[in-house]
């Protein structure tokens, strides 16, 4: 998985692939999601950041990482039943303070396959995620197949090289697995799974498990259990329940226990910190009123075993559609998190609007107040503004700006520049413009800049979803 020795070659291949993919211009269907078409998306993201004043290291470091991402997808290409999916990237650190520029490139995932008549058999080959039932999925280079049998039975089989990665510890190991499920979906399903990872002492794992679901009078229950046959005991047990008593109200609950070692190579440096079983229990709700108001909330209590930390996370989010189509909206979020040692209260307000048919803007203000100072700092403030300009179908340019104060630097200014090109750029323009679709209530006005406060426990991704 370490691609740096071949970074230049892969960068060239990705560039050539982009040129070929965009120049090939297959016979596009009028409907973008129609079968028989191939879709290509190329995206370039560059982030520029610099400390305003010297931070914890008494420096004003500047970093300018850039990444080019190429995505390809096609289903039932030319009516043959062949499908293909792939995503590759090339990254370079243009400037990194006193550090030398770094380069990397790799194939995030990529596979081709064939879906048989009536979808009875589906085979795919390449780098892929495979649902294994227990423990849920595995990332591998290999081949997998789905066979739909009579009597509502489904058989999954796969084999290849499982990819594991850790801190300066990257390797792969042979893997085989299978899962047999009985799936009368009006009632639910039940499945049993087996997975064997071998070849190296560090990676050896042999798992059996079961997963299932049950639907009873509007309540859906799902659960799974995974057990390591080689002596580690339980890997994971989880149960989820959801219920929608009315169309505008949904309720859910969950409980989980897991052994973090089940998801780490045995020679990972993190094994010294996770000799335990972790647990979580929680629940929440979501509301989608017939009017302009919508929202959701949740509470989770988690326990890190072995005398570790005991904490919780609670959040409530309220959004308001300012017009019927939902192209203008605003919202507020309150979050409280405690990790057994420290925590924070978060208050966030955001607004998003389509200023014109081609221009969308958003503002986002996040404030964090820590229970106890982190490096002598008791709060973090982030203010973000974002613009997305789409001059024509299939071409979008974005500019984000952010000012961020954080315990690990006094103040930082960041900017993100993005350019996205899709195959829609090469399709004929539609005869008549359709009205803008109503936005979903999950479409919050978030920018693409990082918004992680300087505290140990935080489950947000580094990059928020673009507008």
Protein backbone atom coordinates (compact mmCIF):
# COMPACT_ATOMS: atom_id res chain seq x y z
CA UNK A 1 0.00 0.00 0.00
CA UNK A 2 2.97 2.30 0.32
CA UNK A 3 2.96 4.11 -3.01
CA UNK A 4 5.72 6.66 -2.57
CA UNK A 5 8.39 4.81 -4.59
CA UNK A 6 6.01 4.84 -7.56
CA UNK A 7 4.45 8.24 -6.87
CA UNK A 8 5.69 9.85 -10.07
CA UNK A 9 4.57 6.93 -12.23
CA UNK A 10 1.15 6.74 -10.61
CA UNK A 11 0.75 10.50 -10.90
CA UNK A 12 1.38 10.16 -14.65
CA UNK A 13 -1.04 7.24 -14.90
CA UNK A 14 -3.76 9.14 -13.10
CA UNK A 15 -3.24 12.15 -15.34
CA UNK A 16 -3.38 10.02 -18.47
CA UNK A 17 -6.41 8.20 -17.13
CA UNK A 18 -8.16 11.50 -16.55
CA UNK A 19 -7.38 12.69 -20.07
CA UNK A 20 -8.53 9.44 -21.64
CA UNK A 21 -11.65 9.26 -19.50
CA UNK A 22 -12.74 12.80 -20.28
CA UNK A 23 -11.85 12.60 -23.97
CA UNK A 24 -13.53 9.26 -24.68
CA UNK A 25 -17.05 10.73 -24.40
CA UNK A 26 -19.20 7.61 -24.55
CA UNK A 27 -22.81 7.76 -25.74
CA UNK A 28 -24.30 9.49 -22.73
CA UNK A 29 -27.90 8.87 -21.79
CA UNK A 30 -30.16 11.81 -21.07
CA UNK A 31 -30.59 10.63 -17.49
CA UNK A 32 -27.23 10.81 -15.62
CA UNK A 33 -27.99 7.78 -13.46
CA UNK A 34 -29.17 5.56 -16.32
CA UNK A 35 -27.58 2.16 -16.76
CA UNK A 36 -25.25 1.67 -19.67
CA UNK A 37 -23.29 4.88 -19.08
CA UNK A 38 -19.84 5.59 -17.68
CA UNK A 39 -19.38 8.55 -15.36
CA UNK A 40 -16.11 10.31 -14.57
CA UNK A 41 -15.40 12.91 -11.89
CA UNK A 42 -12.08 14.70 -11.45
CA UNK A 43 -11.50 16.94 -8.45
CA UNK A 44 -8.54 19.07 -7.40
CA UNK A 45 -8.30 20.36 -3.82
CA UNK A 46 -5.60 22.69 -2.54
CA UNK A 47 -5.45 23.91 1.06
CA UNK A 48 -3.32 26.86 2.13
CA UNK A 49 -2.77 27.42 5.86
CA UNK A 50 -0.48 29.61 7.91
CA UNK A 51 -0.22 30.51 11.59
CA UNK A 52 -0.95 34.18 12.14
CA UNK A 53 1.44 34.34 15.12
CA UNK A 54 3.92 31.76 16.43
CA UNK A 55 2.14 28.81 18.00
CA UNK A 56 3.15 25.99 20.34
CA UNK A 57 6.39 25.35 18.40
CA UNK A 58 7.20 29.09 18.32
CA UNK A 59 6.95 29.11 14.53
CA UNK A 60 4.54 30.33 11.86
CA UNK A 61 4.48 27.22 9.72
CA UNK A 62 2.86 27.33 6.30
CA UNK A 63 1.51 24.28 4.52
CA UNK A 64 0.04 23.96 1.02
CA UNK A 65 -1.06 20.38 0.36
CA UNK A 66 -2.86 19.64 -2.91
CA UNK A 67 -4.68 16.51 -4.03
CA UNK A 68 -6.13 15.38 -7.34
CA UNK A 69 -8.86 12.77 -7.19
CA UNK A 70 -10.24 10.78 -10.13
CA UNK A 71 -13.48 8.78 -9.76
CA UNK A 72 -14.94 6.41 -12.34
CA UNK A 73 -18.21 4.48 -12.23
CA UNK A 74 -20.25 2.54 -14.71
CA UNK A 75 -23.10 0.06 -14.42
CA UNK A 76 -24.28 -2.37 -17.13
CA UNK A 77 -21.87 -0.83 -19.62
CA UNK A 78 -23.18 -1.10 -23.18
CA UNK A 79 -25.88 -3.46 -21.89
CA UNK A 80 -23.29 -6.17 -21.24
CA UNK A 81 -23.81 -6.51 -17.51
CA UNK A 82 -20.23 -5.29 -16.95
CA UNK A 83 -19.70 -2.69 -14.24
CA UNK A 84 -16.64 -0.77 -13.05
CA UNK A 85 -15.87 1.50 -10.10
CA UNK A 86 -12.63 3.19 -9.16
CA UNK A 87 -11.05 6.07 -7.27
CA UNK A 88 -7.42 7.14 -7.45
CA UNK A 89 -5.54 10.07 -6.03
CA UNK A 90 -2.26 11.93 -6.36
CA UNK A 91 -1.14 14.22 -3.54
CA UNK A 92 1.75 16.64 -3.14
CA UNK A 93 2.85 18.98 -0.37
CA UNK A 94 3.75 22.14 -2.29
CA UNK A 95 5.04 23.91 0.81
CA UNK A 96 5.53 22.56 4.30
CA UNK A 97 7.53 25.03 6.34
CA UNK A 98 10.98 23.61 6.97
CA UNK A 99 10.01 20.09 5.86
CA UNK A 100 10.74 18.84 2.32
CA UNK A 101 7.77 18.43 -0.05
CA UNK A 102 6.08 15.02 0.15
CA UNK A 103 4.40 13.12 -2.68
CA UNK A 104 2.05 10.16 -2.69
CA UNK A 105 -0.32 8.46 -5.10
CA UNK A 106 -2.41 5.33 -4.92
CA UNK A 107 -5.56 3.59 -5.99
CA UNK A 108 -8.06 4.04 -3.17
CA UNK A 109 -10.30 1.35 -4.65
CA UNK A 110 -10.95 -0.03 -8.10
CA UNK A 111 -12.72 -3.09 -9.46
CA UNK A 112 -14.53 -4.43 -12.49
CA UNK A 113 -17.21 -7.09 -12.59
CA UNK A 114 -20.20 -8.68 -14.20
CA UNK A 115 -23.80 -8.77 -13.03
CA UNK A 116 -25.66 -11.72 -14.53
CA UNK A 117 -29.18 -12.01 -15.86
CA UNK A 118 -31.81 -11.08 -13.26
CA UNK A 119 -28.93 -10.22 -10.88
CA UNK A 120 -28.59 -13.86 -9.83
CA UNK A 121 -24.77 -13.79 -9.96
CA UNK A 122 -22.48 -10.81 -9.39
CA UNK A 123 -18.69 -11.17 -9.65
CA UNK A 124 -16.11 -8.43 -9.15
CA UNK A 125 -12.31 -8.34 -9.23
CA UNK A 126 -9.94 -5.69 -7.87
CA UNK A 127 -9.38 -3.54 -4.79
CA UNK A 128 -12.67 -3.51 -2.91
CA UNK A 129 -14.58 -3.52 0.35
CA UNK A 130 -16.40 -6.80 0.92
CA UNK A 131 -19.30 -7.14 3.34
CA UNK A 132 -18.46 -10.10 5.49
CA UNK A 133 -21.24 -9.93 8.06
CA UNK A 134 -18.81 -10.28 10.93
CA UNK A 135 -16.91 -8.19 11.50
CA UNK A 136 -18.92 -6.25 8.94
CA UNK A 137 -16.46 -5.79 6.06
CA UNK A 138 -12.89 -6.26 4.94
CA UNK A 139 -10.71 -4.28 2.55
CA UNK A 140 -8.85 -6.51 0.10
CA UNK A 141 -7.31 -7.00 -3.32
CA UNK A 142 -9.01 -10.02 -4.81
CA UNK A 143 -12.22 -11.47 -6.19
CA UNK A 144 -15.69 -11.69 -4.67
CA UNK A 145 -19.01 -13.14 -5.81
CA UNK A 146 -22.65 -12.91 -4.80
CA UNK A 147 -24.96 -15.77 -5.77
CA UNK A 148 -28.71 -15.43 -5.23
CA UNK A 149 -30.19 -18.88 -4.64
CA UNK A 150 -33.80 -20.09 -4.48
CA UNK A 151 -35.79 -19.79 -1.25
CA UNK A 152 -34.53 -16.26 -0.52
CA UNK A 153 -30.95 -17.44 0.04
CA UNK A 154 -27.86 -15.37 -0.77
CA UNK A 155 -24.29 -16.71 -0.79
CA UNK A 156 -21.25 -14.40 -0.62
CA UNK A 157 -17.73 -15.74 -1.17
CA UNK A 158 -14.44 -13.85 -1.49
CA UNK A 159 -10.71 -14.34 -1.46
CA UNK A 160 -7.56 -12.34 -1.98
CA UNK A 161 -5.07 -10.27 -0.03
CA UNK A 162 -6.44 -8.40 2.97
CA UNK A 163 -4.88 -4.99 3.45
CA UNK A 164 -3.93 -3.83 6.94
CA UNK A 165 -2.17 -0.61 7.79
CA UNK A 166 -0.83 0.87 10.98
CA UNK A 167 1.73 3.33 12.25
CA UNK A 168 4.82 2.54 10.12
CA UNK A 169 3.46 -0.98 9.85
CA UNK A 170 1.93 -1.83 6.48
CA UNK A 171 1.46 -5.35 5.20
CA UNK A 172 -1.10 -7.65 3.66
CA UNK A 173 -2.17 -11.24 4.25
CA UNK A 174 -4.22 -13.90 2.43
CA UNK A 175 -7.92 -13.87 3.25
CA UNK A 176 -10.89 -16.10 2.40
CA UNK A 177 -14.46 -15.81 3.61
CA UNK A 178 -18.07 -16.70 3.03
CA UNK A 179 -21.51 -15.65 4.24
CA UNK A 180 -24.85 -17.40 3.79
CA UNK A 181 -28.02 -15.41 4.41
CA UNK A 182 -31.74 -16.20 4.40
CA UNK A 183 -33.45 -12.98 3.36
CA UNK A 184 -37.27 -12.87 3.43
CA UNK A 185 -37.16 -9.07 3.67
CA UNK A 186 -40.78 -8.61 4.74
CA UNK A 187 -39.79 -10.32 8.00
CA UNK A 188 -36.04 -9.65 8.18
CA UNK A 189 -32.98 -11.81 7.60
CA UNK A 190 -30.53 -14.12 9.34
CA UNK A 191 -26.97 -14.89 8.22
CA UNK A 192 -23.86 -16.78 9.29
CA UNK A 193 -20.34 -15.82 8.23
CA UNK A 194 -16.80 -17.19 8.36
CA UNK A 195 -13.55 -15.37 7.66
CA UNK A 196 -9.93 -16.51 7.79
CA UNK A 197 -6.94 -14.18 7.55
CA UNK A 198 -3.59 -15.97 7.60
CA UNK A 199 -0.05 -15.83 6.30
CA UNK A 200 1.61 -13.76 9.02
CA UNK A 201 1.55 -14.09 12.79
CA UNK A 202 0.60 -10.44 13.15
CA UNK A 203 -2.43 -10.68 10.89
CA UNK A 204 -3.80 -14.15 11.66
CA UNK A 205 -7.51 -13.98 12.46
CA UNK A 206 -10.26 -16.56 12.21
CA UNK A 207 -13.75 -15.24 12.80
CA UNK A 208 -17.23 -16.71 12.87
CA UNK A 209 -20.29 -14.56 13.29
CA UNK A 210 -23.95 -14.01 12.72
CA UNK A 211 -26.05 -11.02 11.78
CA UNK A 212 -29.77 -10.55 11.41
CA UNK A 213 -32.76 -8.24 11.37
CA UNK A 214 -36.40 -8.45 12.41
CA UNK A 215 -39.38 -6.26 11.50
CA UNK A 216 -42.33 -6.21 13.93
CA UNK A 217 -45.19 -3.71 13.66
CA UNK A 218 -43.09 -0.80 12.49
CA UNK A 219 -40.08 -1.62 14.69
CA UNK A 220 -36.88 -2.79 13.01
CA UNK A 221 -34.25 -4.65 15.03
CA UNK A 222 -30.78 -5.40 13.66
CA UNK A 223 -27.90 -7.12 15.37
CA UNK A 224 -24.57 -8.84 14.86
CA UNK A 225 -22.11 -10.93 16.83
CA UNK A 226 -18.52 -11.85 15.89
CA UNK A 227 -16.21 -14.29 17.68
CA UNK A 228 -12.49 -14.95 17.18
CA UNK A 229 -11.79 -18.70 17.04
CA UNK A 230 -8.09 -18.22 17.76
CA UNK A 231 -8.59 -17.24 21.36
CA UNK A 232 -9.36 -13.57 21.40
CA UNK A 233 -12.97 -14.19 22.29
CA UNK A 234 -15.71 -11.81 21.32
CA UNK A 235 -14.82 -9.28 18.64
CA UNK A 236 -18.05 -7.35 18.52
CA UNK A 237 -21.69 -7.51 19.57
CA UNK A 238 -24.23 -4.87 18.56
CA UNK A 239 -27.99 -4.37 18.47
CA UNK A 240 -29.89 -1.46 16.93
CA UNK A 241 -33.59 -0.64 17.09
CA UNK A 242 -35.53 1.92 15.07
CA UNK A 243 -39.17 2.92 15.16
CA UNK A 244 -41.14 5.56 13.26
CA UNK A 245 -44.46 5.97 15.10
CA UNK A 246 -45.42 8.85 12.81
CA UNK A 247 -44.14 9.92 9.41
CA UNK A 248 -42.52 13.00 10.95
CA UNK A 249 -40.83 11.30 13.94
CA UNK A 250 -38.19 8.59 14.05
CA UNK A 251 -36.71 7.01 17.20
CA UNK A 252 -33.65 4.79 17.49
CA UNK A 253 -31.55 3.06 20.14
CA UNK A 254 -28.28 1.14 20.05
CA UNK A 255 -25.98 -0.88 22.27
CA UNK A 256 -22.52 -2.15 21.40
CA UNK A 257 -19.55 -3.96 22.92
CA UNK A 258 -16.33 -4.50 21.02
CA UNK A 259 -12.72 -5.53 21.39
CA UNK A 260 -10.61 -2.88 19.59
CA UNK A 261 -7.82 -5.44 19.12
CA UNK A 262 -10.07 -7.28 16.69
CA UNK A 263 -9.53 -4.49 14.19
CA UNK A 264 -5.78 -4.02 14.65
CA UNK A 265 -2.75 -5.99 13.46
CA UNK A 266 -1.16 -7.73 16.42
CA UNK A 267 2.12 -5.87 16.04
CA UNK A 268 0.45 -2.46 15.85
CA UNK A 269 1.88 0.02 18.36
CA UNK A 270 -1.69 0.77 19.46
CA UNK A 271 -2.19 -2.68 21.00
CA UNK A 272 -0.47 -1.42 24.15
CA UNK A 273 -3.33 1.03 24.68
CA UNK A 274 -6.37 -1.12 23.92
CA UNK A 275 -6.17 -4.20 26.16
CA UNK A 276 -9.85 -3.87 26.95
CA UNK A 277 -13.43 -4.22 25.80
CA UNK A 278 -15.27 -1.01 24.99
CA UNK A 279 -18.99 -0.50 25.37
CA UNK A 280 -21.58 1.99 24.18
CA UNK A 281 -25.29 2.50 24.71
CA UNK A 282 -27.38 5.32 23.34
CA UNK A 283 -30.34 6.53 21.38
CA UNK A 284 -31.83 9.45 19.56
CA UNK A 285 -34.55 10.91 17.37
CA UNK A 286 -35.11 12.73 14.12
CA UNK A 287 -37.96 15.08 13.21
CA UNK A 288 -39.09 16.12 9.75
CA UNK A 289 -42.18 18.27 10.05
CA UNK A 290 -44.50 19.02 7.13
CA UNK A 291 -43.42 22.64 7.50
CA UNK A 292 -40.04 24.28 7.55
CA UNK A 293 -38.65 22.81 10.78
CA UNK A 294 -36.52 19.69 11.03
CA UNK A 295 -33.95 18.36 13.47
CA UNK A 296 -32.36 15.45 15.27
CA UNK A 297 -30.68 14.62 18.53
CA UNK A 298 -28.84 11.79 20.24
CA UNK A 299 -27.17 10.70 23.46
CA UNK A 300 -24.42 8.05 23.74
CA UNK A 301 -22.78 6.76 26.88
CA UNK A 302 -19.51 4.94 26.27
CA UNK A 303 -17.15 3.03 28.52
CA UNK A 304 -13.52 2.29 27.71
CA UNK A 305 -12.79 -0.86 29.68
CA UNK A 306 -9.76 -1.96 31.67
CA UNK A 307 -10.00 0.93 34.11
CA UNK A 308 -10.04 3.43 31.27
CA UNK A 309 -12.21 6.44 30.58
CA UNK A 310 -15.96 6.73 30.93
CA UNK A 311 -17.73 9.42 28.95
CA UNK A 312 -20.70 10.53 26.91
CA UNK A 313 -21.73 12.56 23.90
CA UNK A 314 -25.02 14.44 23.50
CA UNK A 315 -26.12 16.62 20.63
CA UNK A 316 -29.19 18.35 19.26
CA UNK A 317 -29.50 19.91 15.82
CA UNK A 318 -32.33 22.14 14.61
CA UNK A 319 -32.68 23.31 11.02
CA UNK A 320 -35.07 25.67 9.27
CA UNK A 321 -35.96 25.77 5.57
CA UNK A 322 -36.34 29.43 4.69
CA UNK A 323 -38.09 28.78 1.37
CA UNK A 324 -40.25 26.00 -0.01
CA UNK A 325 -37.52 24.40 -2.13
CA UNK A 326 -35.01 24.44 0.73
CA UNK A 327 -32.39 26.37 -1.22
CA UNK A 328 -32.11 28.79 1.71
CA UNK A 329 -31.69 27.33 5.17
CA UNK A 330 -30.20 27.98 8.54
CA UNK A 331 -29.57 25.89 11.63
CA UNK A 332 -28.04 25.62 15.07
CA UNK A 333 -26.30 22.74 16.80
CA UNK A 334 -25.42 22.18 20.42
CA UNK A 335 -23.05 19.36 21.41
CA UNK A 336 -21.59 18.29 24.73
CA UNK A 337 -18.83 15.67 24.87
CA UNK A 338 -16.92 14.26 27.83
CA UNK A 339 -14.17 11.67 27.46
CA UNK A 340 -13.64 10.87 31.14
CA UNK A 341 -10.81 13.36 31.44
CA UNK A 342 -11.88 16.47 29.58
CA UNK A 343 -14.65 17.58 27.30
CA UNK A 344 -16.29 20.51 25.59
CA UNK A 345 -19.51 22.33 24.90
CA UNK A 346 -20.01 23.26 21.26
CA UNK A 347 -22.39 25.82 19.81
CA UNK A 348 -22.63 26.11 16.04
CA UNK A 349 -24.73 28.27 13.75
CA UNK A 350 -24.75 28.05 9.97
CA UNK A 351 -26.57 29.57 7.01
CA UNK A 352 -26.67 28.44 3.39
CA UNK A 353 -28.25 29.94 0.32
CA UNK A 354 -28.29 29.76 -3.48
CA UNK A 355 -27.61 33.36 -4.41
CA UNK A 356 -28.28 32.60 -8.07
CA UNK A 357 -28.68 29.64 -10.38
CA UNK A 358 -24.88 29.32 -10.46
CA UNK A 359 -23.65 30.61 -7.09
CA UNK A 360 -24.07 29.10 -3.62
CA UNK A 361 -22.73 30.61 -0.40
CA UNK A 362 -22.49 29.44 3.21
CA UNK A 363 -21.23 30.76 6.51
CA UNK A 364 -20.45 28.62 9.54
CA UNK A 365 -19.46 29.65 13.06
CA UNK A 366 -18.26 27.03 15.57
CA UNK A 367 -17.31 27.77 19.17
CA UNK A 368 -15.92 25.26 21.68
CA UNK A 369 -15.56 25.77 25.41
CA UNK A 370 -13.37 23.11 27.09
CA UNK A 371 -14.20 21.78 30.55
CA UNK A 372 -10.52 22.12 31.48
CA UNK A 373 -7.84 24.15 29.65
CA UNK A 374 -5.90 22.40 26.90
CA UNK A 375 -2.35 23.73 26.72
CA UNK A 376 -3.58 26.71 28.71
CA UNK A 377 -6.40 27.51 26.27
CA UNK A 378 -10.06 27.18 27.30
CA UNK A 379 -11.82 27.70 23.98
CA UNK A 380 -11.59 27.23 20.25
CA UNK A 381 -13.28 29.47 17.68
CA UNK A 382 -13.77 28.77 13.98
CA UNK A 383 -15.39 31.05 11.42
CA UNK A 384 -15.80 29.81 7.86
CA UNK A 385 -17.18 31.30 4.66
CA UNK A 386 -17.60 29.28 1.46
CA UNK A 387 -18.58 29.93 -2.16
CA UNK A 388 -19.40 27.41 -4.90
CA UNK A 389 -19.71 28.61 -8.48
CA UNK A 390 -21.12 26.34 -11.21
CA UNK A 391 -20.94 28.23 -14.53
CA UNK A 392 -22.21 25.22 -16.44
CA UNK A 393 -23.34 21.68 -15.83
CA UNK A 394 -20.42 19.46 -14.80
CA UNK A 395 -18.02 22.24 -13.71
CA UNK A 396 -17.84 23.61 -10.16
CA UNK A 397 -15.24 25.89 -8.58
CA UNK A 398 -15.07 26.49 -4.85
CA UNK A 399 -13.29 28.85 -2.50
CA UNK A 400 -13.43 28.51 1.30
CA UNK A 401 -11.80 30.70 3.93
CA UNK A 402 -11.44 30.06 7.64
CA UNK A 403 -10.00 31.73 10.70
CA UNK A 404 -9.32 29.27 13.49
CA UNK A 405 -7.94 29.63 17.00
CA UNK A 406 -7.02 26.40 18.73
CA UNK A 407 -5.00 25.15 21.72
CA UNK A 408 -2.24 24.01 19.37
CA UNK A 409 -1.73 27.38 17.71
CA UNK A 410 -2.77 30.88 18.70
CA UNK A 411 -4.49 31.63 15.43
CA UNK A 412 -4.48 30.20 11.93
CA UNK A 413 -5.82 31.36 8.60
CA UNK A 414 -6.81 28.71 6.07
CA UNK A 415 -8.09 28.74 2.50
CA UNK A 416 -9.30 25.91 0.31
CA UNK A 417 -9.55 26.06 -3.46
CA UNK A 418 -11.34 23.27 -5.31
CA UNK A 419 -12.23 22.49 -8.91
CA UNK A 420 -14.58 19.65 -9.84
CA UNK A 421 -15.19 18.36 -13.38
CA UNK A 422 -17.70 15.64 -14.19
CA UNK A 423 -18.70 13.94 -17.41
CA UNK A 424 -21.86 16.06 -17.42
CA UNK A 425 -19.66 18.82 -18.88
CA UNK A 426 -19.54 16.88 -22.16
CA UNK A 427 -23.22 16.01 -22.42
CA UNK A 428 -25.62 18.04 -24.57
CA UNK A 429 -27.46 20.71 -22.64
CA UNK A 430 -31.03 19.74 -21.69
CA UNK A 431 -33.78 21.10 -23.91
CA UNK A 432 -35.63 22.73 -21.02
CA UNK A 433 -34.27 23.55 -17.60
CA UNK A 434 -35.96 21.65 -14.81
CA UNK A 435 -36.91 23.39 -11.54
CA UNK A 436 -34.36 23.08 -8.76
CA UNK A 437 -35.01 19.96 -6.67
CA UNK A 438 -36.04 20.36 -3.07
CA UNK A 439 -33.00 19.98 -0.84
CA UNK A 440 -32.98 17.20 1.72
CA UNK A 441 -32.98 17.99 5.40
CA UNK A 442 -29.53 16.42 5.72
CA UNK A 443 -27.97 18.98 3.37
CA UNK A 444 -26.37 21.33 5.87
CA UNK A 445 -24.36 24.35 4.87
CA UNK A 446 -20.88 23.08 5.65
CA UNK A 447 -17.62 24.03 4.06
CA UNK A 448 -14.77 21.77 3.04
CA UNK A 449 -12.34 23.07 5.65
CA UNK A 450 -11.32 21.12 8.77
CA UNK A 451 -13.23 21.93 11.94
CA UNK A 452 -11.73 19.67 14.59
CA UNK A 453 -11.14 21.24 18.01
CA UNK A 454 -7.94 20.59 19.94
CA UNK A 455 -9.16 17.82 22.17
CA UNK A 456 -8.46 14.11 22.17
CA UNK A 457 -11.94 12.70 21.53
CA UNK A 458 -13.62 13.89 18.35
CA UNK A 459 -15.27 11.78 15.68
CA UNK A 460 -15.51 14.30 12.86
CA UNK A 461 -13.66 13.77 9.61
CA UNK A 462 -10.85 16.09 8.68
CA UNK A 463 -12.75 17.45 5.71
CA UNK A 464 -16.40 18.37 5.97
CA UNK A 465 -18.63 17.76 3.00
CA UNK A 466 -18.52 20.46 0.35
CA UNK A 467 -21.52 22.58 -0.49
